[in-house]
Amino acid sequence: MKKKRSLSLHGHRTSIALEPEFWDVIEAQAEKRQQSLAGLLAELDDQRVSDGNSSGLASFLRVWAFKQVKLQLAQKD
């Protein structure tokens, strides 16, 4: 079941629905980077746009979270 979060990105209200496991990864990364959740999501949204990524923000966040877990696993090897 997806969990919806409402927040402001660059002054615009938006809602993002992701599975709890993805939110766990994103929240952990925000804490690790000492950023607010909204701050990290705004940064990632900027990255998505500057990369010319045409996928939606939720899809981009799922892939980003997956890559973060993959990096963590690689560092443990």
PDB file of N, CA and C in Angstrom:
ATOM      1  N   MET A   1       0.835  -1.182   0.000  1.00  0.00           N
ATOM      2  CA  MET A   1       0.000   0.000   0.000  1.00  0.00           C
ATOM      3  C   MET A   1       0.881   1.247   0.000  1.00  0.00           C
ATOM      4  N   LYS A   2       0.543   2.198  -0.846  1.00  0.00           N
ATOM      5  CA  LYS A   2       1.324   3.423  -0.949  1.00  0.00           C
ATOM      6  C   LYS A   2       0.995   4.382   0.182  1.00  0.00           C
ATOM      7  N   LYS A   3       1.993   5.167   0.530  1.00  0.00           N
ATOM      8  CA  LYS A   3       1.867   6.171   1.571  1.00  0.00           C
ATOM      9  C   LYS A   3       2.043   7.532   0.895  1.00  0.00           C
ATOM     10  N   LYS A   4       1.075   8.411   1.066  1.00  0.00           N
ATOM     11  CA  LYS A   4       1.099   9.712   0.399  1.00  0.00           C
ATOM     12  C   LYS A   4       1.632  10.777   1.338  1.00  0.00           C
ATOM     13  N   ARG A   5       2.525  11.614   0.813  1.00  0.00           N
ATOM     14  CA  ARG A   5       3.063  12.752   1.556  1.00  0.00           C
ATOM     15  C   ARG A   5       2.745  14.016   0.773  1.00  0.00           C
ATOM     16  N   SER A   6       2.318  15.035   1.468  1.00  0.00           N
ATOM     17  CA  SER A   6       2.063  16.335   0.854  1.00  0.00           C
ATOM     18  C   SER A   6       3.122  17.310   1.341  1.00  0.00           C
ATOM     19  N   LEU A   7       3.679  18.089   0.427  1.00  0.00           N
ATOM     20  CA  LEU A   7       4.721  19.034   0.773  1.00  0.00           C
ATOM     21  C   LEU A   7       4.815  20.115  -0.286  1.00  0.00           C
ATOM     22  N   SER A   8       5.636  21.105  -0.019  1.00  0.00           N
ATOM     23  CA  SER A   8       5.885  22.170  -0.983  1.00  0.00           C
ATOM     24  C   SER A   8       7.240  21.960  -1.626  1.00  0.00           C
ATOM     25  N   LEU A   9       7.263  22.008  -2.944  1.00  0.00           N
ATOM     26  CA  LEU A   9       8.513  21.961  -3.711  1.00  0.00           C
ATOM     27  C   LEU A   9       8.589  23.244  -4.518  1.00  0.00           C
ATOM     28  N   HIS A  10       9.568  24.065  -4.202  1.00  0.00           N
ATOM     29  CA  HIS A  10       9.757  25.334  -4.903  1.00  0.00           C
ATOM     30  C   HIS A  10       8.492  26.195  -4.849  1.00  0.00           C
ATOM     31  N   GLY A  11       7.846  26.191  -3.684  1.00  0.00           N
ATOM     32  CA  GLY A  11       6.678  27.029  -3.479  1.00  0.00           C
ATOM     33  C   GLY A  11       5.371  26.471  -4.013  1.00  0.00           C
ATOM     34  N   HIS A  12       5.389  25.273  -4.549  1.00  0.00           N
ATOM     35  CA  HIS A  12       4.167  24.654  -5.074  1.00  0.00           C
ATOM     36  C   HIS A  12       3.817  23.428  -4.241  1.00  0.00           C
ATOM     37  N   ARG A  13       2.554  23.331  -3.848  1.00  0.00           N
ATOM     38  CA  ARG A  13       2.113  22.160  -3.097  1.00  0.00           C
ATOM     39  C   ARG A  13       2.017  20.967  -4.036  1.00  0.00           C
ATOM     40  N   THR A  14       2.481  19.828  -3.563  1.00  0.00           N
ATOM     41  CA  THR A  14       2.402  18.598  -4.343  1.00  0.00           C
ATOM     42  C   THR A  14       2.238  17.425  -3.399  1.00  0.00           C
ATOM     43  N   SER A  15       1.786  16.328  -3.926  1.00  0.00           N
ATOM     44  CA  SER A  15       1.662  15.081  -3.165  1.00  0.00           C
ATOM     45  C   SER A  15       2.441  14.003  -3.900  1.00  0.00           C
ATOM     46  N   ILE A  16       3.116  13.190  -3.139  1.00  0.00           N
ATOM     47  CA  ILE A  16       3.890  12.087  -3.699  1.00  0.00           C
ATOM     48  C   ILE A  16       3.460  10.816  -2.982  1.00  0.00           C
ATOM     49  N   ALA A  17       3.088   9.803  -3.741  1.00  0.00           N
ATOM     50  CA  ALA A  17       2.673   8.516  -3.172  1.00  0.00           C
ATOM     51  C   ALA A  17       3.725   7.462  -3.515  1.00  0.00           C
ATOM     52  N   LEU A  18       4.319   6.902  -2.479  1.00  0.00           N
ATOM     53  CA  LEU A  18       5.323   5.845  -2.633  1.00  0.00           C
ATOM     54  C   LEU A  18       5.049   4.749  -1.607  1.00  0.00           C
ATOM     55  N   GLU A  19       5.556   3.580  -1.876  1.00  0.00           N
ATOM     56  CA  GLU A  19       5.476   2.482  -0.922  1.00  0.00           C
ATOM     57  C   GLU A  19       6.338   2.842   0.295  1.00  0.00           C
ATOM     58  N   PRO A  20       5.936   2.384   1.491  1.00  0.00           N
ATOM     59  CA  PRO A  20       6.658   2.733   2.724  1.00  0.00           C
ATOM     60  C   PRO A  20       8.153   2.403   2.671  1.00  0.00           C
ATOM     61  N   GLU A  21       8.522   1.336   1.987  1.00  0.00           N
ATOM     62  CA  GLU A  21       9.935   0.960   1.913  1.00  0.00           C
ATOM     63  C   GLU A  21      10.770   2.035   1.214  1.00  0.00           C
ATOM     64  N   PHE A  22      10.203   2.663   0.201  1.00  0.00           N
ATOM     65  CA  PHE A  22      10.921   3.744  -0.488  1.00  0.00           C
ATOM     66  C   PHE A  22      11.016   4.971   0.406  1.00  0.00           C
ATOM     67  N   TRP A  23       9.927   5.280   1.114  1.00  0.00           N
ATOM     68  CA  TRP A  23       9.983   6.407   2.043  1.00  0.00           C
ATOM     69  C   TRP A  23      11.043   6.171   3.124  1.00  0.00           C
ATOM     70  N   ASP A  24      11.168   4.938   3.591  1.00  0.00           N
ATOM     71  CA  ASP A  24      12.179   4.620   4.611  1.00  0.00           C
ATOM     72  C   ASP A  24      13.577   4.972   4.119  1.00  0.00           C
ATOM     73  N   VAL A  25      13.885   4.600   2.882  1.00  0.00           N
ATOM     74  CA  VAL A  25      15.215   4.878   2.305  1.00  0.00           C
ATOM     75  C   VAL A  25      15.413   6.382   2.151  1.00  0.00           C
ATOM     76  N   ILE A  26      14.414   7.062   1.622  1.00  0.00           N
ATOM     77  CA  ILE A  26      14.515   8.504   1.389  1.00  0.00           C
ATOM     78  C   ILE A  26      14.666   9.257   2.710  1.00  0.00           C
ATOM     79  N   GLU A  27      13.877   8.895   3.699  1.00  0.00           N
ATOM     80  CA  GLU A  27      13.962   9.550   5.008  1.00  0.00           C
ATOM     81  C   GLU A  27      15.320   9.297   5.664  1.00  0.00           C
ATOM     82  N   ALA A  28      15.842   8.088   5.541  1.00  0.00           N
ATOM     83  CA  ALA A  28      17.157   7.771   6.103  1.00  0.00           C
ATOM     84  C   ALA A  28      18.246   8.601   5.430  1.00  0.00           C
ATOM     85  N   GLN A  29      18.134   8.782   4.124  1.00  0.00           N
ATOM     86  CA  GLN A  29      19.122   9.590   3.404  1.00  0.00           C
ATOM     87  C   GLN A  29      19.019  11.057   3.803  1.00  0.00           C
ATOM     88  N   ALA A  30      17.811  11.563   3.996  1.00  0.00           N
ATOM     89  CA  ALA A  30      17.638  12.949   4.435  1.00  0.00           C
ATOM     90  C   ALA A  30      18.288  13.139   5.807  1.00  0.00           C
ATOM     91  N   GLU A  31      18.060  12.187   6.700  1.00  0.00           N
ATOM     92  CA  GLU A  31      18.656  12.269   8.031  1.00  0.00           C
ATOM     93  C   GLU A  31      20.177  12.189   7.952  1.00  0.00           C
ATOM     94  N   LYS A  32      20.684  11.273   7.157  1.00  0.00           N
ATOM     95  CA  LYS A  32      22.130  11.102   6.994  1.00  0.00           C
ATOM     96  C   LYS A  32      22.778  12.383   6.467  1.00  0.00           C
ATOM     97  N   ARG A  33      22.081  13.064   5.570  1.00  0.00           N
ATOM     98  CA  ARG A  33      22.596  14.295   4.964  1.00  0.00           C
ATOM     99  C   ARG A  33      22.247  15.534   5.775  1.00  0.00           C
ATOM    100  N   GLN A  34      21.555  15.324   6.883  1.00  0.00           N
ATOM    101  CA  GLN A  34      21.095  16.406   7.756  1.00  0.00           C
ATOM    102  C   GLN A  34      20.275  17.435   6.968  1.00  0.00           C
ATOM    103  N   GLN A  35      19.330  16.899   6.183  1.00  0.00           N
ATOM    104  CA  GLN A  35      18.422  17.723   5.389  1.00  0.00           C
ATOM    105  C   GLN A  35      17.000  17.409   5.811  1.00  0.00           C
ATOM    106  N   SER A  36      16.128  18.360   5.566  1.00  0.00           N
ATOM    107  CA  SER A  36      14.711  18.067   5.739  1.00  0.00           C
ATOM    108  C   SER A  36      14.272  17.175   4.584  1.00  0.00           C
ATOM    109  N   LEU A  37      13.176  16.485   4.777  1.00  0.00           N
ATOM    110  CA  LEU A  37      12.638  15.648   3.708  1.00  0.00           C
ATOM    111  C   LEU A  37      12.302  16.510   2.496  1.00  0.00           C
ATOM    112  N   ALA A  38      11.652  17.651   2.726  1.00  0.00           N
ATOM    113  CA  ALA A  38      11.291  18.549   1.625  1.00  0.00           C
ATOM    114  C   ALA A  38      12.540  19.065   0.906  1.00  0.00           C
ATOM    115  N   GLY A  39      13.592  19.352   1.670  1.00  0.00           N
ATOM    116  CA  GLY A  39      14.841  19.827   1.067  1.00  0.00           C
ATOM    117  C   GLY A  39      15.464  18.788   0.160  1.00  0.00           C
ATOM    118  N   LEU A  40      15.513  17.550   0.625  1.00  0.00           N
ATOM    119  CA  LEU A  40      16.078  16.480  -0.197  1.00  0.00           C
ATOM    120  C   LEU A  40      15.220  16.249  -1.432  1.00  0.00           C
ATOM    121  N   LEU A  41      13.908  16.230  -1.269  1.00  0.00           N
ATOM    122  CA  LEU A  41      13.033  15.995  -2.417  1.00  0.00           C
ATOM    123  C   LEU A  41      13.147  17.123  -3.439  1.00  0.00           C
ATOM    124  N   ALA A  42      13.287  18.365  -2.984  1.00  0.00           N
ATOM    125  CA  ALA A  42      13.478  19.483  -3.906  1.00  0.00           C
ATOM    126  C   ALA A  42      14.789  19.331  -4.667  1.00  0.00           C
ATOM    127  N   GLU A  43      15.837  18.921  -3.971  1.00  0.00           N
ATOM    128  CA  GLU A  43      17.143  18.695  -4.606  1.00  0.00           C
ATOM    129  C   GLU A  43      17.048  17.586  -5.658  1.00  0.00           C
ATOM    130  N   LEU A  44      16.366  16.514  -5.316  1.00  0.00           N
ATOM    131  CA  LEU A  44      16.225  15.402  -6.257  1.00  0.00           C
ATOM    132  C   LEU A  44      15.350  15.789  -7.450  1.00  0.00           C
ATOM    133  N   ASP A  45      14.326  16.593  -7.204  1.00  0.00           N
ATOM    134  CA  ASP A  45      13.485  17.060  -8.300  1.00  0.00           C
ATOM    135  C   ASP A  45      14.301  17.946  -9.237  1.00  0.00           C
ATOM    136  N   ASP A  46      15.138  18.820  -8.681  1.00  0.00           N
ATOM    137  CA  ASP A  46      16.015  19.654  -9.508  1.00  0.00           C
ATOM    138  C   ASP A  46      16.948  18.786 -10.343  1.00  0.00           C
ATOM    139  N   GLN A  47      17.497  17.751  -9.726  1.00  0.00           N
ATOM    140  CA  GLN A  47      18.399  16.828 -10.426  1.00  0.00           C
ATOM    141  C   GLN A  47      17.665  16.150 -11.582  1.00  0.00           C
ATOM    142  N   ARG A  48      16.450  15.704 -11.308  1.00  0.00           N
ATOM    143  CA  ARG A  48      15.638  15.034 -12.335  1.00  0.00           C
ATOM    144  C   ARG A  48      15.425  15.958 -13.527  1.00  0.00           C
ATOM    145  N   VAL A  49      15.056  17.193 -13.258  1.00  0.00           N
ATOM    146  CA  VAL A  49      14.781  18.161 -14.330  1.00  0.00           C
ATOM    147  C   VAL A  49      16.063  18.506 -15.088  1.00  0.00           C
ATOM    148  N   SER A  50      17.153  18.747 -14.362  1.00  0.00           N
ATOM    149  CA  SER A  50      18.404  19.133 -15.033  1.00  0.00           C
ATOM    150  C   SER A  50      18.984  17.985 -15.856  1.00  0.00           C
ATOM    151  N   ASP A  51      18.689  16.748 -15.471  1.00  0.00           N
ATOM    152  CA  ASP A  51      19.147  15.584 -16.242  1.00  0.00           C
ATOM    153  C   ASP A  51      18.275  15.347 -17.471  1.00  0.00           C
ATOM    154  N   GLY A  52      17.203  16.129 -17.603  1.00  0.00           N
ATOM    155  CA  GLY A  52      16.290  15.950 -18.721  1.00  0.00           C
ATOM    156  C   GLY A  52      15.439  14.700 -18.596  1.00  0.00           C
ATOM    157  N   ASN A  53      15.297  14.223 -17.367  1.00  0.00           N
ATOM    158  CA  ASN A  53      14.520  13.018 -17.109  1.00  0.00           C
ATOM    159  C   ASN A  53      13.038  13.339 -17.231  1.00  0.00           C
ATOM    160  N   SER A  54      12.352  12.654 -18.126  1.00  0.00           N
ATOM    161  CA  SER A  54      10.940  12.938 -18.349  1.00  0.00           C
ATOM    162  C   SER A  54      10.006  12.075 -17.501  1.00  0.00           C
ATOM    163  N   SER A  55      10.569  11.205 -16.674  1.00  0.00           N
ATOM    164  CA  SER A  55       9.708  10.381 -15.817  1.00  0.00           C
ATOM    165  C   SER A  55       9.121  11.250 -14.717  1.00  0.00           C
ATOM    166  N   GLY A  56       8.048  10.790 -14.129  1.00  0.00           N
ATOM    167  CA  GLY A  56       7.442  11.507 -13.020  1.00  0.00           C
ATOM    168  C   GLY A  56       8.328  11.460 -11.787  1.00  0.00           C
ATOM    169  N   LEU A  57       8.071  12.356 -10.862  1.00  0.00           N
ATOM    170  CA  LEU A  57       8.894  12.436  -9.660  1.00  0.00           C
ATOM    171  C   LEU A  57       8.839  11.145  -8.851  1.00  0.00           C
ATOM    172  N   ALA A  58       7.674  10.551  -8.692  1.00  0.00           N
ATOM    173  CA  ALA A  58       7.559   9.320  -7.902  1.00  0.00           C
ATOM    174  C   ALA A  58       8.406   8.203  -8.510  1.00  0.00           C
ATOM    175  N   SER A  59       8.369   8.054  -9.819  1.00  0.00           N
ATOM    176  CA  SER A  59       9.181   7.025 -10.479  1.00  0.00           C
ATOM    177  C   SER A  59      10.666   7.307 -10.296  1.00  0.00           C
ATOM    178  N   PHE A  60      11.036   8.570 -10.444  1.00  0.00           N
ATOM    179  CA  PHE A  60      12.433   8.961 -10.260  1.00  0.00           C
ATOM    180  C   PHE A  60      12.893   8.632  -8.843  1.00  0.00           C
ATOM    181  N   LEU A  61      12.045   8.918  -7.847  1.00  0.00           N
ATOM    182  CA  LEU A  61      12.402   8.656  -6.454  1.00  0.00           C
ATOM    183  C   LEU A  61      12.554   7.166  -6.173  1.00  0.00           C
ATOM    184  N   ARG A  62      11.715   6.346  -6.780  1.00  0.00           N
ATOM    185  CA  ARG A  62      11.849   4.890  -6.594  1.00  0.00           C
ATOM    186  C   ARG A  62      13.197   4.405  -7.116  1.00  0.00           C
ATOM    187  N   VAL A  63      13.567   4.860  -8.304  1.00  0.00           N
ATOM    188  CA  VAL A  63      14.853   4.449  -8.892  1.00  0.00           C
ATOM    189  C   VAL A  63      16.001   4.987  -8.049  1.00  0.00           C
ATOM    190  N   TRP A  64      15.907   6.236  -7.607  1.00  0.00           N
ATOM    191  CA  TRP A  64      16.948   6.828  -6.780  1.00  0.00           C
ATOM    192  C   TRP A  64      17.123   6.050  -5.475  1.00  0.00           C
ATOM    193  N   ALA A  65      16.013   5.716  -4.828  1.00  0.00           N
ATOM    194  CA  ALA A  65      16.072   4.959  -3.571  1.00  0.00           C
ATOM    195  C   ALA A  65      16.694   3.584  -3.803  1.00  0.00           C
ATOM    196  N   PHE A  66      16.322   2.934  -4.898  1.00  0.00           N
ATOM    197  CA  PHE A  66      16.897   1.635  -5.231  1.00  0.00           C
ATOM    198  C   PHE A  66      18.409   1.754  -5.404  1.00  0.00           C
ATOM    199  N   LYS A  67      18.847   2.795  -6.099  1.00  0.00           N
ATOM    200  CA  LYS A  67      20.286   2.998  -6.309  1.00  0.00           C
ATOM    201  C   LYS A  67      21.013   3.247  -4.990  1.00  0.00           C
ATOM    202  N   GLN A  68      20.366   3.943  -4.055  1.00  0.00           N
ATOM    203  CA  GLN A  68      20.984   4.183  -2.748  1.00  0.00           C
ATOM    204  C   GLN A  68      21.197   2.873  -2.002  1.00  0.00           C
ATOM    205  N   VAL A  69      20.213   2.003  -2.033  1.00  0.00           N
ATOM    206  CA  VAL A  69      20.335   0.698  -1.372  1.00  0.00           C
ATOM    207  C   VAL A  69      21.420  -0.126  -2.057  1.00  0.00           C
ATOM    208  N   LYS A  70      21.443  -0.081  -3.361  1.00  0.00           N
ATOM    209  CA  LYS A  70      22.454  -0.819  -4.130  1.00  0.00           C
ATOM    210  C   LYS A  70      23.857  -0.335  -3.769  1.00  0.00           C
ATOM    211  N   LEU A  71      24.033   0.975  -3.643  1.00  0.00           N
ATOM    212  CA  LEU A  71      25.335   1.539  -3.249  1.00  0.00           C
ATOM    213  C   LEU A  71      25.739   1.072  -1.847  1.00  0.00           C
ATOM    214  N   GLN A  72      24.779   1.084  -0.931  1.00  0.00           N
ATOM    215  CA  GLN A  72      25.059   0.640   0.432  1.00  0.00           C
ATOM    216  C   GLN A  72      25.491  -0.813   0.468  1.00  0.00           C
ATOM    217  N   LEU A  73      24.839  -1.634  -0.311  1.00  0.00           N
ATOM    218  CA  LEU A  73      25.198  -3.063  -0.364  1.00  0.00           C
ATOM    219  C   LEU A  73      26.575  -3.260  -0.969  1.00  0.00           C
ATOM    220  N   ALA A  74      26.907  -2.489  -1.992  1.00  0.00           N
ATOM    221  CA  ALA A  74      28.220  -2.592  -2.639  1.00  0.00           C
ATOM    222  C   ALA A  74      29.326  -2.163  -1.680  1.00  0.00           C
ATOM    223  N   GLN A  75      29.057  -1.183  -0.831  1.00  0.00           N
ATOM    224  CA  GLN A  75      30.058  -0.706   0.119  1.00  0.00           C
ATOM    225  C   GLN A  75      30.317  -1.729   1.220  1.00  0.00           C
ATOM    226  N   LYS A  76      29.357  -2.622   1.467  1.00  0.00           N
ATOM    227  CA  LYS A  76      29.537  -3.643   2.495  1.00  0.00           C
ATOM    228  C   LYS A  76      30.392  -4.817   2.011  1.00  0.00           C
ATOM    229  N   ASP A  77      30.504  -4.937   0.687  1.00  0.00           N
ATOM    230  CA  ASP A  77      31.298  -6.056   0.125  1.00  0.00           C
ATOM    231  C   ASP A  77      32.780  -5.845   0.291  1.00  0.00           C
TER     232      ASP A  77
END
